[in-house]
Amino acid sequence: MKIAVFFVGNRLMLDDGIAPAVYDEIIKTYDIPDNVDLYDVGCMSMDMISKVNEYDLIMTVDAVDGTDQEPGTVFRYLPEDVARTTGATFSLHDLKLADLFDAAAMLGYTAEGLCYGMQIENMEPAEFTVGLTPKVAERVPFLVETIEAELYRRGAPLTKKDKN
């Protein structure tokens, strides 16, 4: 199984940078198997449409808001669970994985999709701010472990890098 993980978010907007922070931690801590590609994508775009044809599974990691849960709460959902919804903003970005899959389907491209999100506390700093709020920052290791566990379940286990 060929797997892509898209880490979506803006490092300059406080908690919107949760996915890039998780990406950094995974790259720093683990050796990545050959069948897994990690992408620090910033924002999703239609430029990624060909990726749907290249992978069996595409996972996204993103900030979420409006869930009425505590900052740092992690969610696992399918792309269609957040497509065209009102109310809670499960993805803080205009293009969602479901939208990408819809467009790719018109070209005959298919892949399985899976989304992980973390409830944020603040993504609207008064000025550009690199870093996460304390409640979200302390949950980064949990989200890293969650992604690690999902990859393990999918037959693509991460291995810790040798610290020597």
Protein backbone atom coordinates (compact mmCIF):
# COMPACT_ATOMS: atom_id res chain seq x y z
CA MET A 1 0.00 0.00 0.00
CA LYS A 2 1.37 3.40 -1.01
CA ILE A 3 0.49 6.12 1.52
CA ALA A 4 0.73 9.91 1.48
CA VAL A 5 0.27 12.08 4.55
CA PHE A 6 -0.51 15.75 3.91
CA PHE A 7 0.25 18.03 6.86
CA VAL A 8 -1.93 21.10 6.26
CA GLY A 9 -1.43 24.42 8.02
CA ASN A 10 0.27 27.77 8.32
CA ARG A 11 3.21 27.95 10.74
CA LEU A 12 2.72 31.71 11.09
CA MET A 13 -0.81 31.54 12.51
CA LEU A 14 -0.37 29.99 15.98
CA ASP A 15 -2.43 26.78 16.27
CA ASP A 16 -3.02 26.57 12.53
CA GLY A 17 0.57 25.30 12.59
CA ILE A 18 -0.34 22.11 14.47
CA ALA A 19 0.10 19.85 11.43
CA PRO A 20 3.49 21.33 10.44
CA ALA A 21 4.60 20.85 14.07
CA VAL A 22 3.55 17.18 13.90
CA TYR A 23 5.37 16.83 10.56
CA ASP A 24 8.56 18.24 12.09
CA GLU A 25 8.36 15.89 15.06
CA ILE A 26 7.77 12.80 12.90
CA ILE A 27 10.66 13.69 10.57
CA LYS A 28 12.95 14.33 13.56
CA THR A 29 11.99 11.17 15.47
CA TYR A 30 11.29 8.44 12.93
CA ASP A 31 12.67 6.71 9.87
CA ILE A 32 9.89 6.69 7.28
CA PRO A 33 9.17 3.48 5.33
CA ASP A 34 9.63 3.52 1.57
CA ASN A 35 5.89 3.19 0.92
CA VAL A 36 5.04 6.37 2.88
CA ASP A 37 5.54 9.95 1.70
CA LEU A 38 5.06 12.90 4.03
CA TYR A 39 4.22 16.37 2.70
CA ASP A 40 4.27 19.67 4.59
CA VAL A 41 1.78 21.22 2.17
CA GLY A 42 0.75 24.49 3.78
CA CYS A 43 -2.68 24.63 2.12
CA MET A 44 -4.41 21.99 0.04
CA SER A 45 -4.70 22.85 -3.64
CA MET A 46 -5.94 21.33 -6.86
CA ASP A 47 -2.27 20.94 -7.83
CA MET A 48 -2.38 17.81 -5.67
CA ILE A 49 -4.97 16.11 -7.87
CA SER A 50 -2.40 13.80 -9.46
CA LYS A 51 -1.45 12.54 -5.99
CA VAL A 52 -4.85 10.88 -5.73
CA ASN A 53 -3.82 8.65 -8.61
CA GLU A 54 -0.38 7.91 -7.11
CA TYR A 55 -1.46 6.63 -3.68
CA ASP A 56 -3.76 4.00 -2.21
CA LEU A 57 -4.35 6.06 0.95
CA ILE A 58 -4.11 9.80 1.48
CA MET A 59 -4.26 11.05 5.05
CA THR A 60 -4.48 14.68 6.09
CA VAL A 61 -3.49 16.20 9.40
CA ASP A 62 -5.03 19.61 10.04
CA ALA A 63 -6.29 22.07 12.63
CA VAL A 64 -10.02 21.98 13.38
CA ASP A 65 -12.28 24.44 15.17
CA GLY A 66 -15.86 24.78 16.34
CA THR A 67 -16.16 21.29 17.80
CA ASP A 68 -17.04 22.45 21.35
CA GLN A 69 -14.20 20.24 22.61
CA GLU A 70 -11.12 21.24 24.58
CA PRO A 71 -8.09 22.51 22.64
CA GLY A 72 -5.84 19.53 21.92
CA THR A 73 -8.71 17.09 21.34
CA VAL A 74 -7.90 14.82 18.38
CA PHE A 75 -10.49 13.77 15.82
CA ARG A 76 -10.42 11.00 13.19
CA TYR A 77 -12.89 11.27 10.36
CA LEU A 78 -13.48 10.35 6.75
CA PRO A 79 -13.24 13.04 4.07
CA GLU A 80 -16.96 12.88 3.32
CA ASP A 81 -17.72 13.54 7.00
CA VAL A 82 -16.52 17.12 6.57
CA ALA A 83 -17.58 17.74 3.00
CA ARG A 84 -20.11 20.48 2.53
CA THR A 85 -20.94 20.71 6.24
CA THR A 86 -22.18 23.66 8.21
CA GLY A 87 -21.53 24.32 11.85
CA ALA A 88 -18.21 23.06 13.19
CA THR A 89 -15.31 23.85 10.92
CA PHE A 90 -13.55 20.51 10.67
CA SER A 91 -10.91 21.92 8.37
CA LEU A 92 -9.82 25.50 8.55
CA HIS A 93 -8.85 25.51 4.88
CA ASP A 94 -11.05 26.17 1.88
CA LEU A 95 -10.09 23.03 -0.04
CA LYS A 96 -10.83 19.85 1.86
CA LEU A 97 -9.66 16.34 1.03
CA ALA A 98 -13.19 15.45 -0.09
CA ASP A 99 -13.08 18.31 -2.62
CA LEU A 100 -9.78 17.02 -3.97
CA PHE A 101 -11.21 13.50 -4.24
CA ASP A 102 -14.34 14.80 -6.00
CA ALA A 103 -12.22 16.54 -8.62
CA ALA A 104 -9.92 13.53 -8.99
CA ALA A 105 -12.90 11.21 -9.50
CA MET A 106 -13.79 13.17 -12.63
CA LEU A 107 -10.42 12.06 -14.01
CA GLY A 108 -10.96 8.48 -12.89
CA TYR A 109 -8.53 8.77 -9.97
CA THR A 110 -9.38 7.13 -6.67
CA ALA A 111 -7.73 6.65 -3.29
CA GLU A 112 -8.90 6.01 0.21
CA GLY A 113 -8.94 9.11 2.41
CA LEU A 114 -8.60 9.62 6.13
CA CYS A 115 -8.40 12.85 8.11
CA TYR A 116 -6.96 13.64 11.52
CA GLY A 117 -7.55 16.98 13.15
CA MET A 118 -6.85 18.69 16.43
CA GLN A 119 -9.14 21.23 18.05
CA ILE A 120 -7.24 24.50 18.19
CA GLU A 121 -7.32 27.32 20.72
CA ASN A 122 -6.16 30.31 18.67
CA MET A 123 -5.23 30.69 15.02
CA GLU A 124 -5.81 34.42 14.74
CA PRO A 125 -2.84 36.13 16.36
CA ALA A 126 -2.68 39.94 16.29
CA GLU A 127 0.49 39.53 14.23
CA PHE A 128 2.21 36.60 12.55
CA THR A 129 3.33 34.27 15.31
CA VAL A 130 5.31 31.05 14.96
CA GLY A 131 4.46 28.52 17.65
CA LEU A 132 1.46 26.90 19.26
CA THR A 133 -0.65 27.80 22.29
CA PRO A 134 0.36 25.78 25.38
CA LYS A 135 -2.73 23.50 25.41
CA VAL A 136 -2.21 22.54 21.77
CA ALA A 137 1.59 22.27 22.04
CA GLU A 138 1.38 19.80 24.92
CA ARG A 139 -0.79 17.50 22.77
CA VAL A 140 1.61 17.35 19.79
CA PRO A 141 3.14 14.06 21.05
CA PHE A 142 -0.33 12.49 21.24
CA LEU A 143 -1.14 13.45 17.64
CA VAL A 144 2.28 12.14 16.53
CA GLU A 145 1.52 8.80 18.27
CA THR A 146 -1.93 8.76 16.67
CA ILE A 147 -0.45 9.11 13.16
CA GLU A 148 2.22 6.53 14.03
CA ALA A 149 -0.49 4.08 15.16
CA GLU A 150 -2.56 4.59 12.00
CA LEU A 151 0.46 3.94 9.79
CA TYR A 152 1.24 0.82 11.83
CA ARG A 153 -2.34 -0.43 11.34
CA ARG A 154 -1.93 0.16 7.61
CA GLY A 155 1.21 -1.98 7.45
CA ALA A 156 3.64 0.95 7.31
CA PRO A 157 5.22 1.11 10.76
CA LEU A 158 7.52 3.98 11.60
CA THR A 159 10.76 3.12 13.39
CA LYS A 160 12.47 5.40 15.86
CA LYS A 161 15.74 6.85 14.65
CA ASP A 162 18.90 5.69 16.34
CA LYS A 163 19.93 8.49 18.70
CA ASN A 164 23.65 7.62 18.38
